[in-house]
N, C-alpha and C. Protein backbone atom coordinates (compact mmCIF):
# COMPACT_ATOMS: atom_id res chain seq x y z
N MET A 1 149.15 83.40 122.05
CA MET A 1 149.10 82.49 120.93
C MET A 1 150.54 82.24 120.45
N ASP A 2 150.90 80.97 120.27
CA ASP A 2 152.26 80.65 119.85
C ASP A 2 152.46 80.91 118.36
N ARG A 3 153.70 80.86 117.93
CA ARG A 3 154.08 81.20 116.55
C ARG A 3 153.40 80.31 115.52
N LYS A 4 153.35 79.00 115.80
CA LYS A 4 152.74 78.06 114.86
C LYS A 4 151.26 78.36 114.68
N THR A 5 150.57 78.62 115.79
CA THR A 5 149.14 78.93 115.73
C THR A 5 148.90 80.22 114.95
N LYS A 6 149.75 81.22 115.16
CA LYS A 6 149.64 82.47 114.41
C LYS A 6 149.85 82.24 112.92
N GLY A 7 150.81 81.39 112.60
CA GLY A 7 151.08 81.08 111.20
C GLY A 7 149.90 80.39 110.53
N ILE A 8 149.30 79.46 111.23
CA ILE A 8 148.13 78.75 110.71
C ILE A 8 146.98 79.73 110.49
N LYS A 9 146.78 80.62 111.44
CA LYS A 9 145.72 81.63 111.32
C LYS A 9 145.98 82.55 110.13
N ALA A 10 147.23 82.96 109.95
CA ALA A 10 147.59 83.83 108.82
C ALA A 10 147.31 83.11 107.49
N GLU A 11 147.67 81.83 107.40
CA GLU A 11 147.40 81.08 106.18
C GLU A 11 145.91 80.96 105.92
N GLU A 12 145.12 80.75 106.96
CA GLU A 12 143.67 80.66 106.78
C GLU A 12 143.09 81.98 106.29
N LEU A 13 143.58 83.10 106.82
CA LEU A 13 143.13 84.41 106.34
C LEU A 13 143.45 84.57 104.85
N ALA A 14 144.66 84.18 104.47
CA ALA A 14 145.07 84.29 103.07
C ALA A 14 144.22 83.38 102.18
N LYS A 15 144.00 82.15 102.61
CA LYS A 15 143.17 81.23 101.83
C LYS A 15 141.77 81.80 101.64
N ASN A 16 141.20 82.34 102.71
CA ASN A 16 139.86 82.92 102.62
C ASN A 16 139.81 84.06 101.62
N HIS A 17 140.88 84.84 101.55
CA HIS A 17 140.94 85.92 100.56
C HIS A 17 140.80 85.35 99.15
N TYR A 18 141.56 84.31 98.85
CA TYR A 18 141.51 83.72 97.51
C TYR A 18 140.17 83.04 97.24
N ILE A 19 139.62 82.38 98.23
CA ILE A 19 138.31 81.74 98.07
C ILE A 19 137.25 82.79 97.79
N GLN A 20 137.27 83.89 98.53
CA GLN A 20 136.30 84.97 98.30
C GLN A 20 136.48 85.60 96.93
N SER A 21 137.66 85.47 96.36
CA SER A 21 137.93 86.00 95.02
C SER A 21 137.61 84.97 93.94
N GLY A 22 136.99 83.87 94.33
CA GLY A 22 136.61 82.84 93.37
C GLY A 22 137.64 81.74 93.19
N GLY A 23 138.66 81.73 94.02
CA GLY A 23 139.70 80.72 93.91
C GLY A 23 139.30 79.40 94.55
N GLU A 24 140.02 78.38 94.16
CA GLU A 24 139.82 77.04 94.70
C GLU A 24 141.17 76.55 95.23
N ILE A 25 141.23 76.21 96.49
CA ILE A 25 142.48 75.75 97.09
C ILE A 25 142.74 74.31 96.64
N TRP A 26 143.87 74.11 95.98
CA TRP A 26 144.20 72.77 95.48
C TRP A 26 145.11 72.02 96.44
N GLU A 27 146.02 72.70 97.07
CA GLU A 27 146.96 72.05 97.98
C GLU A 27 147.28 73.00 99.13
N SER A 28 147.57 72.41 100.27
CA SER A 28 148.07 73.17 101.42
C SER A 28 149.37 72.53 101.87
N ASN A 29 150.35 73.38 102.17
CA ASN A 29 151.64 72.92 102.67
C ASN A 29 152.27 71.85 101.77
N TYR A 30 152.32 72.16 100.48
CA TYR A 30 152.92 71.24 99.51
C TYR A 30 154.42 71.18 99.73
N ARG A 31 154.93 69.96 99.91
CA ARG A 31 156.35 69.78 100.21
C ARG A 31 157.07 69.10 99.05
N PHE A 32 158.27 69.60 98.80
CA PHE A 32 159.17 68.99 97.82
C PHE A 32 160.58 69.16 98.36
N LYS A 33 161.22 68.04 98.68
CA LYS A 33 162.55 68.06 99.29
C LYS A 33 162.55 68.97 100.52
N ARG A 34 163.37 70.03 100.49
CA ARG A 34 163.45 70.94 101.65
C ARG A 34 162.51 72.13 101.52
N SER A 35 161.66 72.10 100.53
CA SER A 35 160.81 73.25 100.24
C SER A 35 159.37 73.00 100.64
N GLU A 36 158.68 74.10 100.91
CA GLU A 36 157.25 74.02 101.19
C GLU A 36 156.57 75.24 100.60
N ILE A 37 155.46 74.99 99.93
CA ILE A 37 154.62 76.06 99.42
C ILE A 37 153.42 76.12 100.37
N ASP A 38 153.14 77.30 100.91
CA ASP A 38 152.07 77.41 101.90
C ASP A 38 150.74 76.91 101.34
N PHE A 39 150.37 77.36 100.16
CA PHE A 39 149.22 76.77 99.48
C PHE A 39 149.23 77.11 98.00
N ILE A 40 148.46 76.30 97.27
CA ILE A 40 148.33 76.45 95.83
C ILE A 40 146.84 76.62 95.54
N THR A 41 146.52 77.65 94.76
CA THR A 41 145.13 77.92 94.46
C THR A 41 144.93 78.07 92.96
N LEU A 42 143.76 77.71 92.50
CA LEU A 42 143.40 77.88 91.10
C LEU A 42 142.44 79.05 90.99
N LEU A 43 142.77 80.00 90.13
CA LEU A 43 141.91 81.17 89.89
C LEU A 43 141.36 81.12 88.47
N GLU A 44 140.10 81.38 88.34
CA GLU A 44 139.44 81.49 87.04
C GLU A 44 139.68 80.28 86.15
N SER A 45 139.86 79.12 86.73
CA SER A 45 140.04 77.85 86.02
C SER A 45 141.22 77.81 85.07
N ARG A 46 142.12 78.82 85.17
CA ARG A 46 143.23 78.82 84.22
C ARG A 46 144.54 79.36 84.78
N LEU A 47 144.52 79.85 86.00
CA LEU A 47 145.72 80.43 86.59
C LEU A 47 146.03 79.73 87.91
N LEU A 48 147.17 79.05 87.94
CA LEU A 48 147.60 78.35 89.14
C LEU A 48 148.53 79.27 89.91
N VAL A 49 148.19 79.55 91.17
CA VAL A 49 148.94 80.51 91.97
C VAL A 49 149.59 79.79 93.16
N PHE A 50 150.89 79.99 93.28
CA PHE A 50 151.67 79.44 94.39
C PHE A 50 151.84 80.57 95.39
N VAL A 51 151.38 80.34 96.62
CA VAL A 51 151.28 81.43 97.59
C VAL A 51 152.19 81.18 98.80
N GLU A 52 152.97 82.20 99.12
CA GLU A 52 153.80 82.23 100.32
C GLU A 52 153.19 83.26 101.27
N VAL A 53 152.89 82.85 102.49
CA VAL A 53 152.29 83.74 103.48
C VAL A 53 153.34 84.13 104.50
N LYS A 54 153.40 85.43 104.78
CA LYS A 54 154.33 85.95 105.79
C LYS A 54 153.54 86.77 106.79
N MET A 55 153.81 86.54 108.06
CA MET A 55 153.13 87.29 109.12
C MET A 55 154.15 88.01 109.96
N ARG A 56 153.83 89.24 110.29
CA ARG A 56 154.67 90.03 111.19
C ARG A 56 153.77 90.82 112.12
N ASN A 57 154.05 90.71 113.40
CA ASN A 57 153.31 91.50 114.37
C ASN A 57 153.78 92.94 114.41
N ARG A 58 155.06 93.12 114.10
CA ARG A 58 155.65 94.46 114.12
C ARG A 58 156.44 94.67 112.84
N THR A 59 156.62 95.90 112.47
CA THR A 59 157.35 96.21 111.24
C THR A 59 158.68 96.92 111.54
N ASP A 60 159.16 96.80 112.77
CA ASP A 60 160.42 97.45 113.15
C ASP A 60 161.58 97.04 112.23
N TYR A 61 161.56 95.79 111.79
CA TYR A 61 162.66 95.27 110.99
C TYR A 61 162.27 95.11 109.52
N GLY A 62 161.16 95.66 109.12
CA GLY A 62 160.73 95.58 107.73
C GLY A 62 159.35 94.97 107.60
N GLU A 63 158.80 95.13 106.43
CA GLU A 63 157.48 94.60 106.13
C GLU A 63 157.56 93.10 105.88
N ALA A 64 156.45 92.41 106.13
CA ALA A 64 156.42 90.95 106.02
C ALA A 64 156.85 90.45 104.65
N GLU A 65 156.42 91.13 103.59
CA GLU A 65 156.72 90.67 102.24
C GLU A 65 158.20 90.73 101.90
N THR A 66 158.97 91.50 102.65
CA THR A 66 160.41 91.59 102.37
C THR A 66 161.19 90.43 103.00
N PHE A 67 160.53 89.58 103.76
CA PHE A 67 161.19 88.48 104.44
C PHE A 67 161.19 87.18 103.64
N VAL A 68 160.96 87.25 102.33
CA VAL A 68 161.09 86.09 101.47
C VAL A 68 162.44 86.24 100.78
N SER A 69 163.39 85.43 101.21
CA SER A 69 164.76 85.53 100.69
C SER A 69 164.85 84.98 99.27
N GLU A 70 165.93 85.31 98.60
CA GLU A 70 166.17 84.77 97.26
C GLU A 70 166.27 83.25 97.31
N GLU A 71 166.90 82.72 98.35
CA GLU A 71 167.00 81.27 98.51
C GLU A 71 165.62 80.65 98.68
N GLN A 72 164.78 81.28 99.47
CA GLN A 72 163.42 80.76 99.67
C GLN A 72 162.62 80.82 98.37
N LYS A 73 162.77 81.91 97.63
CA LYS A 73 162.09 82.02 96.33
C LYS A 73 162.53 80.89 95.40
N GLN A 74 163.82 80.58 95.41
CA GLN A 74 164.34 79.50 94.57
C GLN A 74 163.75 78.16 94.98
N ARG A 75 163.68 77.90 96.28
CA ARG A 75 163.10 76.63 96.77
C ARG A 75 161.62 76.53 96.42
N ILE A 76 160.89 77.63 96.55
CA ILE A 76 159.46 77.64 96.20
C ILE A 76 159.30 77.37 94.70
N THR A 77 160.15 77.98 93.90
CA THR A 77 160.10 77.78 92.45
C THR A 77 160.36 76.32 92.10
N GLU A 78 161.34 75.71 92.75
CA GLU A 78 161.63 74.29 92.50
C GLU A 78 160.45 73.41 92.89
N ALA A 79 159.83 73.70 94.02
CA ALA A 79 158.66 72.93 94.45
C ALA A 79 157.52 73.12 93.46
N ALA A 80 157.34 74.33 92.97
CA ALA A 80 156.29 74.61 91.99
C ALA A 80 156.54 73.82 90.71
N GLU A 81 157.80 73.78 90.26
CA GLU A 81 158.13 73.02 89.06
C GLU A 81 157.79 71.54 89.25
N ASP A 82 158.08 71.01 90.43
CA ASP A 82 157.73 69.62 90.73
C ASP A 82 156.22 69.42 90.66
N TYR A 83 155.47 70.33 91.24
CA TYR A 83 154.01 70.21 91.24
C TYR A 83 153.45 70.30 89.82
N ILE A 84 153.95 71.27 89.07
CA ILE A 84 153.49 71.46 87.68
C ILE A 84 153.73 70.19 86.87
N PHE A 85 154.90 69.60 87.04
CA PHE A 85 155.23 68.37 86.33
C PHE A 85 154.33 67.22 86.79
N ALA A 86 154.12 67.12 88.10
CA ALA A 86 153.34 66.02 88.67
C ALA A 86 151.89 66.01 88.16
N ILE A 87 151.32 67.19 87.99
CA ILE A 87 149.91 67.24 87.54
C ILE A 87 149.79 67.55 86.05
N ASP A 88 150.93 67.68 85.37
CA ASP A 88 150.96 68.00 83.94
C ASP A 88 150.18 69.27 83.64
N TRP A 89 150.47 70.32 84.40
CA TRP A 89 149.78 71.60 84.23
C TRP A 89 150.25 72.28 82.94
N GLN A 90 149.31 72.73 82.15
CA GLN A 90 149.63 73.37 80.87
C GLN A 90 149.23 74.84 80.84
N GLY A 91 148.65 75.35 81.93
CA GLY A 91 148.17 76.72 81.95
C GLY A 91 149.18 77.70 82.51
N HIS A 92 148.69 78.87 82.84
CA HIS A 92 149.52 79.95 83.38
C HIS A 92 149.77 79.73 84.87
N ILE A 93 150.87 80.31 85.37
CA ILE A 93 151.19 80.25 86.79
C ILE A 93 151.57 81.64 87.28
N ARG A 94 151.53 81.78 88.62
CA ARG A 94 151.94 83.04 89.25
C ARG A 94 152.41 82.72 90.66
N PHE A 95 153.33 83.54 91.16
CA PHE A 95 153.82 83.42 92.53
C PHE A 95 153.40 84.67 93.30
N ASP A 96 152.63 84.48 94.36
CA ASP A 96 152.16 85.59 95.18
C ASP A 96 152.76 85.50 96.57
N ILE A 97 152.93 86.66 97.18
CA ILE A 97 153.25 86.75 98.60
C ILE A 97 152.08 87.44 99.27
N VAL A 98 151.60 86.87 100.37
CA VAL A 98 150.53 87.50 101.14
C VAL A 98 151.12 87.89 102.48
N ALA A 99 151.09 89.19 102.76
CA ALA A 99 151.58 89.71 104.03
C ALA A 99 150.39 89.89 104.97
N VAL A 100 150.53 89.35 106.16
CA VAL A 100 149.48 89.46 107.18
C VAL A 100 150.08 90.19 108.37
N ASN A 101 149.42 91.28 108.80
CA ASN A 101 149.95 91.99 109.95
C ASN A 101 149.30 91.47 111.24
N GLY A 102 149.73 91.99 112.36
CA GLY A 102 149.25 91.53 113.66
C GLY A 102 147.77 91.74 113.90
N ASN A 103 147.15 92.63 113.12
CA ASN A 103 145.71 92.88 113.24
C ASN A 103 144.88 91.99 112.33
N GLY A 104 145.54 91.10 111.60
CA GLY A 104 144.83 90.21 110.69
C GLY A 104 144.51 90.83 109.34
N GLU A 105 145.08 92.00 109.07
CA GLU A 105 144.89 92.63 107.76
C GLU A 105 145.88 92.02 106.79
N ILE A 106 145.41 91.80 105.55
CA ILE A 106 146.28 91.19 104.56
C ILE A 106 146.54 92.15 103.40
N GLU A 107 147.71 91.93 102.80
CA GLU A 107 148.05 92.65 101.59
C GLU A 107 148.65 91.60 100.65
N VAL A 108 148.11 91.55 99.43
CA VAL A 108 148.53 90.55 98.45
C VAL A 108 149.47 91.21 97.44
N PHE A 109 150.62 90.57 97.26
CA PHE A 109 151.59 91.00 96.25
C PHE A 109 151.56 89.99 95.13
N GLU A 110 150.78 90.28 94.10
CA GLU A 110 150.63 89.37 92.98
C GLU A 110 151.88 89.39 92.12
N ASP A 111 152.20 88.22 91.58
CA ASP A 111 153.34 88.06 90.70
C ASP A 111 154.60 88.64 91.36
N ALA A 112 154.81 88.25 92.61
CA ALA A 112 155.87 88.81 93.44
C ALA A 112 157.27 88.40 93.00
N PHE A 113 157.37 87.25 92.37
CA PHE A 113 158.67 86.80 91.86
C PHE A 113 158.47 85.79 90.75
């Protein structure tokens, strides 16, 4: 399986986690300038969550969640601000990182940044 296919599968696993938790997926692969948010989900009708998914088959060089750089966090935040403005969101927000390992197991880091 190529890298892109693995990434798509990892995102689907993460989306399913949020859906099973009562979430509603509002956007996938939201783009703003050079930034992309893997997906945006609404939880409990009042919490908008911006999700970055990271997949690693091996942990030799660190865990998946540690591979979100400060620059990437800044770009995701800028894209989120654009989205919030575009839809005139007035509720709470959160940024999560979902780490997916090679076995398809996920770990959610809520309010990661």
